[in-house]
Amino acid sequence: MRQAQQRGYRSRAAFKLIEIDEKDRLLRPGITVIDLGSAPGSWSQVASKRILPNGRLIALDILPMDSLNDVDFIQGDFREDEVLHRLEEKLGGRQVDLVLSDMAPNMSGIELVDQTRVMLLAELSLEFCEKNLKPDGAMLVKVFQGLGYMELRAAVLKMFKTVQVRKPAASRGRSAENFLLAQGKR
């Protein structure tokens, strides 16, 4: 966390996105990005800088998030019609190029419960992409290896042309956390 604060990031999660983006070049000037589960905002900080000029970033979270330059924030549950309507208004007809999701539930310490909750959030991100991501768009979503992982990966492969697993060095080594990078929405 100290290194993140020294560089002006809100959390060390910023380094995960930086590492993945340096390898895969997801964030390009001019694209439209949705950051699901954005609070405290470190992924939005990284992405908003890399999509300028002319890029658009809309961040959504049920938790509050301090404002960021060049980021539109919507507080609410992206599964609710009112929140989706606000998102559509902010998009103003623009199609979404990339959906980011570093969402994680409050962890209980019970492995099966936590795994189930993480997979549900990943499935919700996939459903969001089905409705809101443009053809050939991409998704980067946090998942944990374990129960339901292979089923989720198969569902992602049905919707996208390619799926790769990313485990950034910034993730704790003992963590089951990794990210599915899905590209080329069908």
C-alpha atoms as a PDB file:
ATOM      1  CA  MET A   1       0.000   0.000   0.000  1.00  0.00           C
ATOM      2  CA  ARG A   2       2.882   2.356   0.739  1.00  0.00           C
ATOM      3  CA  GLN A   3       4.173   2.168  -2.846  1.00  0.00           C
ATOM      4  CA  ALA A   4       0.647   2.826  -4.163  1.00  0.00           C
ATOM      5  CA  GLN A   5       0.307   5.894  -1.947  1.00  0.00           C
ATOM      6  CA  GLN A   6       3.732   7.170  -3.006  1.00  0.00           C
ATOM      7  CA  ARG A   7       2.624   6.992  -6.641  1.00  0.00           C
ATOM      8  CA  GLY A   8      -0.752   8.566  -5.902  1.00  0.00           C
ATOM      9  CA  TYR A   9      -2.891   5.461  -6.333  1.00  0.00           C
ATOM     10  CA  ARG A  10      -5.801   4.698  -4.037  1.00  0.00           C
ATOM     11  CA  SER A  11      -4.813   1.033  -3.621  1.00  0.00           C
ATOM     12  CA  ARG A  12      -2.180  -1.442  -4.699  1.00  0.00           C
ATOM     13  CA  ALA A  13      -4.707  -2.971  -7.128  1.00  0.00           C
ATOM     14  CA  ALA A  14      -3.546  -0.299  -9.588  1.00  0.00           C
ATOM     15  CA  PHE A  15      -0.357  -2.272 -10.155  1.00  0.00           C
ATOM     16  CA  LYS A  16      -2.340  -5.337 -11.249  1.00  0.00           C
ATOM     17  CA  LEU A  17      -4.058  -3.416 -14.041  1.00  0.00           C
ATOM     18  CA  ILE A  18      -0.833  -1.646 -15.032  1.00  0.00           C
ATOM     19  CA  GLU A  19       0.957  -4.992 -15.390  1.00  0.00           C
ATOM     20  CA  ILE A  20      -1.856  -6.607 -17.393  1.00  0.00           C
ATOM     21  CA  ASP A  21      -2.205  -3.559 -19.634  1.00  0.00           C
ATOM     22  CA  GLU A  22       1.525  -3.394 -20.328  1.00  0.00           C
ATOM     23  CA  LYS A  23       1.356  -6.989 -21.551  1.00  0.00           C
ATOM     24  CA  ASP A  24      -1.969  -6.909 -23.392  1.00  0.00           C
ATOM     25  CA  ARG A  25      -2.480  -3.240 -24.413  1.00  0.00           C
ATOM     26  CA  LEU A  26      -6.151  -3.131 -23.458  1.00  0.00           C
ATOM     27  CA  LEU A  27      -6.293   0.580 -22.685  1.00  0.00           C
ATOM     28  CA  ARG A  28      -5.919   2.732 -25.784  1.00  0.00           C
ATOM     29  CA  PRO A  29      -6.711   6.384 -26.443  1.00  0.00           C
ATOM     30  CA  GLY A  30     -10.306   7.015 -27.462  1.00  0.00           C
ATOM     31  CA  ILE A  31     -11.977   3.855 -26.160  1.00  0.00           C
ATOM     32  CA  THR A  32     -14.995   3.638 -23.870  1.00  0.00           C
ATOM     33  CA  VAL A  33     -14.428   1.712 -20.630  1.00  0.00           C
ATOM     34  CA  ILE A  34     -16.765   0.584 -17.854  1.00  0.00           C
ATOM     35  CA  ASP A  35     -15.198  -0.151 -14.462  1.00  0.00           C
ATOM     36  CA  LEU A  36     -17.555  -2.400 -12.463  1.00  0.00           C
ATOM     37  CA  GLY A  37     -17.005  -2.417  -8.715  1.00  0.00           C
ATOM     38  CA  SER A  38     -14.703   0.564  -9.026  1.00  0.00           C
ATOM     39  CA  ALA A  39     -14.290   1.746  -5.415  1.00  0.00           C
ATOM     40  CA  PRO A  40     -11.853   2.934  -4.150  1.00  0.00           C
ATOM     41  CA  GLY A  41     -10.921   3.857  -7.724  1.00  0.00           C
ATOM     42  CA  SER A  42      -7.367   2.713  -8.426  1.00  0.00           C
ATOM     43  CA  TRP A  43      -8.306   0.890 -11.654  1.00  0.00           C
ATOM     44  CA  SER A  44     -10.237   3.965 -12.768  1.00  0.00           C
ATOM     45  CA  GLN A  45      -7.165   6.101 -12.023  1.00  0.00           C
ATOM     46  CA  VAL A  46      -4.980   3.943 -14.274  1.00  0.00           C
ATOM     47  CA  ALA A  47      -7.515   3.467 -17.065  1.00  0.00           C
ATOM     48  CA  SER A  48      -8.685   7.077 -17.317  1.00  0.00           C
ATOM     49  CA  LYS A  49      -5.155   8.323 -18.004  1.00  0.00           C
ATOM     50  CA  ARG A  50      -4.473   5.692 -20.654  1.00  0.00           C
ATOM     51  CA  ILE A  51      -7.642   6.240 -22.709  1.00  0.00           C
ATOM     52  CA  LEU A  52      -7.151   9.986 -23.163  1.00  0.00           C
ATOM     53  CA  PRO A  53      -7.617  11.872 -25.389  1.00  0.00           C
ATOM     54  CA  ASN A  54     -11.222  11.271 -26.353  1.00  0.00           C
ATOM     55  CA  GLY A  55     -11.680   8.180 -24.189  1.00  0.00           C
ATOM     56  CA  ARG A  56     -14.582   7.765 -21.811  1.00  0.00           C
ATOM     57  CA  LEU A  57     -14.589   5.964 -18.479  1.00  0.00           C
ATOM     58  CA  ILE A  58     -17.692   5.290 -16.430  1.00  0.00           C
ATOM     59  CA  ALA A  59     -17.186   3.707 -13.017  1.00  0.00           C
ATOM     60  CA  LEU A  60     -19.931   1.951 -11.063  1.00  0.00           C
ATOM     61  CA  ASP A  61     -20.008   0.686  -7.495  1.00  0.00           C
ATOM     62  CA  ILE A  62     -22.496   0.163  -4.693  1.00  0.00           C
ATOM     63  CA  LEU A  63     -19.970   1.862  -2.416  1.00  0.00           C
ATOM     64  CA  PRO A  64     -19.136   5.570  -2.588  1.00  0.00           C
ATOM     65  CA  MET A  65     -16.014   6.601  -4.475  1.00  0.00           C
ATOM     66  CA  ASP A  66     -14.198   9.923  -4.272  1.00  0.00           C
ATOM     67  CA  SER A  67     -14.347  11.756  -7.588  1.00  0.00           C
ATOM     68  CA  LEU A  68     -11.607  11.493 -10.183  1.00  0.00           C
ATOM     69  CA  ASN A  69     -10.862  13.769 -13.115  1.00  0.00           C
ATOM     70  CA  ASP A  70     -12.103  12.329 -16.415  1.00  0.00           C
ATOM     71  CA  VAL A  71     -14.193   9.614 -14.691  1.00  0.00           C
ATOM     72  CA  ASP A  72     -17.987   9.580 -14.498  1.00  0.00           C
ATOM     73  CA  PHE A  73     -19.081   7.727 -11.372  1.00  0.00           C
ATOM     74  CA  ILE A  74     -22.459   6.137 -10.730  1.00  0.00           C
ATOM     75  CA  GLN A  75     -23.131   4.855  -7.238  1.00  0.00           C
ATOM     76  CA  GLY A  76     -25.505   1.917  -7.276  1.00  0.00           C
ATOM     77  CA  ASP A  77     -25.983  -1.724  -8.221  1.00  0.00           C
ATOM     78  CA  PHE A  78     -25.437  -2.208 -11.967  1.00  0.00           C
ATOM     79  CA  ARG A  79     -28.142  -4.906 -11.968  1.00  0.00           C
ATOM     80  CA  GLU A  80     -30.830  -2.313 -11.172  1.00  0.00           C
ATOM     81  CA  ASP A  81     -32.794  -0.641 -13.972  1.00  0.00           C
ATOM     82  CA  GLU A  82     -32.311   2.886 -12.585  1.00  0.00           C
ATOM     83  CA  VAL A  83     -28.523   2.470 -12.499  1.00  0.00           C
ATOM     84  CA  LEU A  84     -28.475   0.999 -16.010  1.00  0.00           C
ATOM     85  CA  HIS A  85     -30.600   3.897 -17.236  1.00  0.00           C
ATOM     86  CA  ARG A  86     -28.102   6.378 -15.736  1.00  0.00           C
ATOM     87  CA  LEU A  87     -25.297   4.451 -17.431  1.00  0.00           C
ATOM     88  CA  GLU A  88     -27.058   4.622 -20.806  1.00  0.00           C
ATOM     89  CA  GLU A  89     -27.491   8.382 -20.366  1.00  0.00           C
ATOM     90  CA  LYS A  90     -23.800   8.837 -19.602  1.00  0.00           C
ATOM     91  CA  LEU A  91     -22.815   6.670 -22.576  1.00  0.00           C
ATOM     92  CA  GLY A  92     -24.868   8.883 -24.870  1.00  0.00           C
ATOM     93  CA  GLY A  93     -25.012   6.232 -27.589  1.00  0.00           C
ATOM     94  CA  ARG A  94     -21.328   5.281 -27.388  1.00  0.00           C
ATOM     95  CA  GLN A  95     -20.595   1.579 -27.456  1.00  0.00           C
ATOM     96  CA  VAL A  96     -18.476   0.001 -24.725  1.00  0.00           C
ATOM     97  CA  ASP A  97     -15.061  -1.270 -25.839  1.00  0.00           C
ATOM     98  CA  LEU A  98     -13.826  -2.715 -22.539  1.00  0.00           C
ATOM     99  CA  VAL A  99     -15.378  -3.848 -19.261  1.00  0.00           C
ATOM    100  CA  LEU A 100     -13.116  -4.058 -16.222  1.00  0.00           C
ATOM    101  CA  SER A 101     -14.164  -5.871 -13.069  1.00  0.00           C
ATOM    102  CA  ASP A 102     -11.948  -6.156 -10.009  1.00  0.00           C
ATOM    103  CA  MET A 103     -15.017  -6.792  -7.847  1.00  0.00           C
ATOM    104  CA  ALA A 104     -14.710  -8.876  -4.734  1.00  0.00           C
ATOM    105  CA  PRO A 105     -17.279  -9.597  -2.047  1.00  0.00           C
ATOM    106  CA  ASN A 106     -16.704  -9.031   1.626  1.00  0.00           C
ATOM    107  CA  MET A 107     -14.785 -12.157   2.520  1.00  0.00           C
ATOM    108  CA  SER A 108     -16.175 -14.414   5.244  1.00  0.00           C
ATOM    109  CA  GLY A 109     -13.136 -16.644   5.653  1.00  0.00           C
ATOM    110  CA  ILE A 110     -15.245 -19.657   4.667  1.00  0.00           C
ATOM    111  CA  GLU A 111     -13.639 -20.837   1.446  1.00  0.00           C
ATOM    112  CA  LEU A 112     -16.744 -22.324  -0.198  1.00  0.00           C
ATOM    113  CA  VAL A 113     -18.895 -19.284   0.606  1.00  0.00           C
ATOM    114  CA  ASP A 114     -16.236 -16.835  -0.596  1.00  0.00           C
ATOM    115  CA  GLN A 115     -15.594 -18.801  -3.809  1.00  0.00           C
ATOM    116  CA  THR A 116     -19.320 -18.888  -4.583  1.00  0.00           C
ATOM    117  CA  ARG A 117     -19.626 -15.118  -4.053  1.00  0.00           C
ATOM    118  CA  VAL A 118     -16.609 -14.336  -6.249  1.00  0.00           C
ATOM    119  CA  MET A 119     -17.940 -16.528  -9.050  1.00  0.00           C
ATOM    120  CA  LEU A 120     -21.352 -14.865  -8.834  1.00  0.00           C
ATOM    121  CA  LEU A 121     -19.738 -11.447  -9.304  1.00  0.00           C
ATOM    122  CA  ALA A 122     -17.797 -12.751 -12.318  1.00  0.00           C
ATOM    123  CA  GLU A 123     -21.012 -14.207 -13.794  1.00  0.00           C
ATOM    124  CA  LEU A 124     -22.769 -10.865 -13.274  1.00  0.00           C
ATOM    125  CA  SER A 125     -19.898  -9.129 -15.094  1.00  0.00           C
ATOM    126  CA  LEU A 126     -20.298 -11.562 -17.979  1.00  0.00           C
ATOM    127  CA  GLU A 127     -24.051 -10.882 -18.137  1.00  0.00           C
ATOM    128  CA  PHE A 128     -23.311  -7.152 -18.158  1.00  0.00           C
ATOM    129  CA  CYS A 129     -20.948  -7.672 -21.113  1.00  0.00           C
ATOM    130  CA  GLU A 130     -23.553  -9.665 -23.001  1.00  0.00           C
ATOM    131  CA  LYS A 131     -25.889  -6.670 -22.907  1.00  0.00           C
ATOM    132  CA  ASN A 132     -23.500  -3.715 -23.028  1.00  0.00           C
ATOM    133  CA  LEU A 133     -20.220  -4.652 -24.723  1.00  0.00           C
ATOM    134  CA  LYS A 134     -19.845  -4.021 -28.428  1.00  0.00           C
ATOM    135  CA  PRO A 135     -18.894  -6.780 -30.873  1.00  0.00           C
ATOM    136  CA  ASP A 136     -15.138  -7.478 -30.670  1.00  0.00           C
ATOM    137  CA  GLY A 137     -15.031  -5.791 -27.253  1.00  0.00           C
ATOM    138  CA  ALA A 138     -13.023  -7.132 -24.312  1.00  0.00           C
ATOM    139  CA  MET A 139     -13.528  -7.958 -20.632  1.00  0.00           C
ATOM    140  CA  LEU A 140     -11.034  -8.296 -17.779  1.00  0.00           C
ATOM    141  CA  VAL A 141     -12.599  -9.920 -14.708  1.00  0.00           C
ATOM    142  CA  LYS A 142     -11.262 -11.112 -11.348  1.00  0.00           C
ATOM    143  CA  VAL A 143     -11.883 -14.764 -10.532  1.00  0.00           C
ATOM    144  CA  PHE A 144     -10.600 -17.278  -7.997  1.00  0.00           C
ATOM    145  CA  GLN A 145      -9.494 -20.766  -8.980  1.00  0.00           C
ATOM    146  CA  GLY A 146     -11.866 -23.274  -7.438  1.00  0.00           C
ATOM    147  CA  LEU A 147     -15.480 -24.390  -7.528  1.00  0.00           C
ATOM    148  CA  GLY A 148     -17.275 -23.111 -10.640  1.00  0.00           C
ATOM    149  CA  TYR A 149     -14.121 -21.784 -12.313  1.00  0.00           C
ATOM    150  CA  MET A 150     -14.113 -24.163 -15.283  1.00  0.00           C
ATOM    151  CA  GLU A 151     -17.837 -23.615 -15.879  1.00  0.00           C
ATOM    152  CA  LEU A 152     -17.363 -19.845 -15.875  1.00  0.00           C
ATOM    153  CA  ARG A 153     -14.408 -20.104 -18.219  1.00  0.00           C
ATOM    154  CA  ALA A 154     -16.491 -22.217 -20.621  1.00  0.00           C
ATOM    155  CA  ALA A 155     -19.295 -19.617 -20.539  1.00  0.00           C
ATOM    156  CA  VAL A 156     -16.788 -16.848 -21.256  1.00  0.00           C
ATOM    157  CA  LEU A 157     -15.402 -18.838 -24.202  1.00  0.00           C
ATOM    158  CA  LYS A 158     -18.893 -19.069 -25.693  1.00  0.00           C
ATOM    159  CA  MET A 159     -19.191 -15.290 -25.706  1.00  0.00           C
ATOM    160  CA  PHE A 160     -15.603 -14.348 -26.650  1.00  0.00           C
ATOM    161  CA  LYS A 161     -13.164 -15.542 -29.298  1.00  0.00           C
ATOM    162  CA  THR A 162     -10.213 -15.830 -26.886  1.00  0.00           C
ATOM    163  CA  VAL A 163      -9.806 -16.209 -23.139  1.00  0.00           C
ATOM    164  CA  GLN A 164      -6.497 -15.991 -21.341  1.00  0.00           C
ATOM    165  CA  VAL A 165      -5.603 -16.224 -17.662  1.00  0.00           C
ATOM    166  CA  ARG A 166      -3.533 -13.457 -16.121  1.00  0.00           C
ATOM    167  CA  LYS A 167      -1.896 -13.667 -12.690  1.00  0.00           C
ATOM    168  CA  PRO A 168      -0.105 -10.359 -12.175  1.00  0.00           C
ATOM    169  CA  ALA A 169       2.957 -10.286  -9.930  1.00  0.00           C
ATOM    170  CA  ALA A 170       1.146  -7.625  -7.881  1.00  0.00           C
ATOM    171  CA  SER A 171      -1.332 -10.313  -6.758  1.00  0.00           C
ATOM    172  CA  ARG A 172      -0.317 -12.044  -3.569  1.00  0.00           C
ATOM    173  CA  GLY A 173       1.415 -15.291  -4.444  1.00  0.00           C
ATOM    174  CA  ARG A 174      -0.671 -17.428  -2.087  1.00  0.00           C
ATOM    175  CA  SER A 175      -3.919 -15.932  -3.371  1.00  0.00           C
ATOM    176  CA  ALA A 176      -6.211 -17.964  -5.645  1.00  0.00           C
ATOM    177  CA  GLU A 177      -6.960 -14.676  -7.424  1.00  0.00           C
ATOM    178  CA  ASN A 178      -6.349 -14.379 -11.118  1.00  0.00           C
ATOM    179  CA  PHE A 179      -8.002 -12.562 -13.992  1.00  0.00           C
ATOM    180  CA  LEU A 180      -9.744 -13.795 -17.095  1.00  0.00           C
ATOM    181  CA  LEU A 181      -8.949 -11.651 -20.111  1.00  0.00           C
ATOM    182  CA  ALA A 182     -11.645 -12.241 -22.716  1.00  0.00           C
ATOM    183  CA  GLN A 183     -11.251 -10.611 -26.133  1.00  0.00           C
ATOM    184  CA  GLY A 184     -13.263 -10.509 -29.329  1.00  0.00           C
ATOM    185  CA  LYS A 185     -16.865 -10.563 -28.160  1.00  0.00           C
ATOM    186  CA  ARG A 186     -18.914 -12.629 -30.620  1.00  0.00           C
END
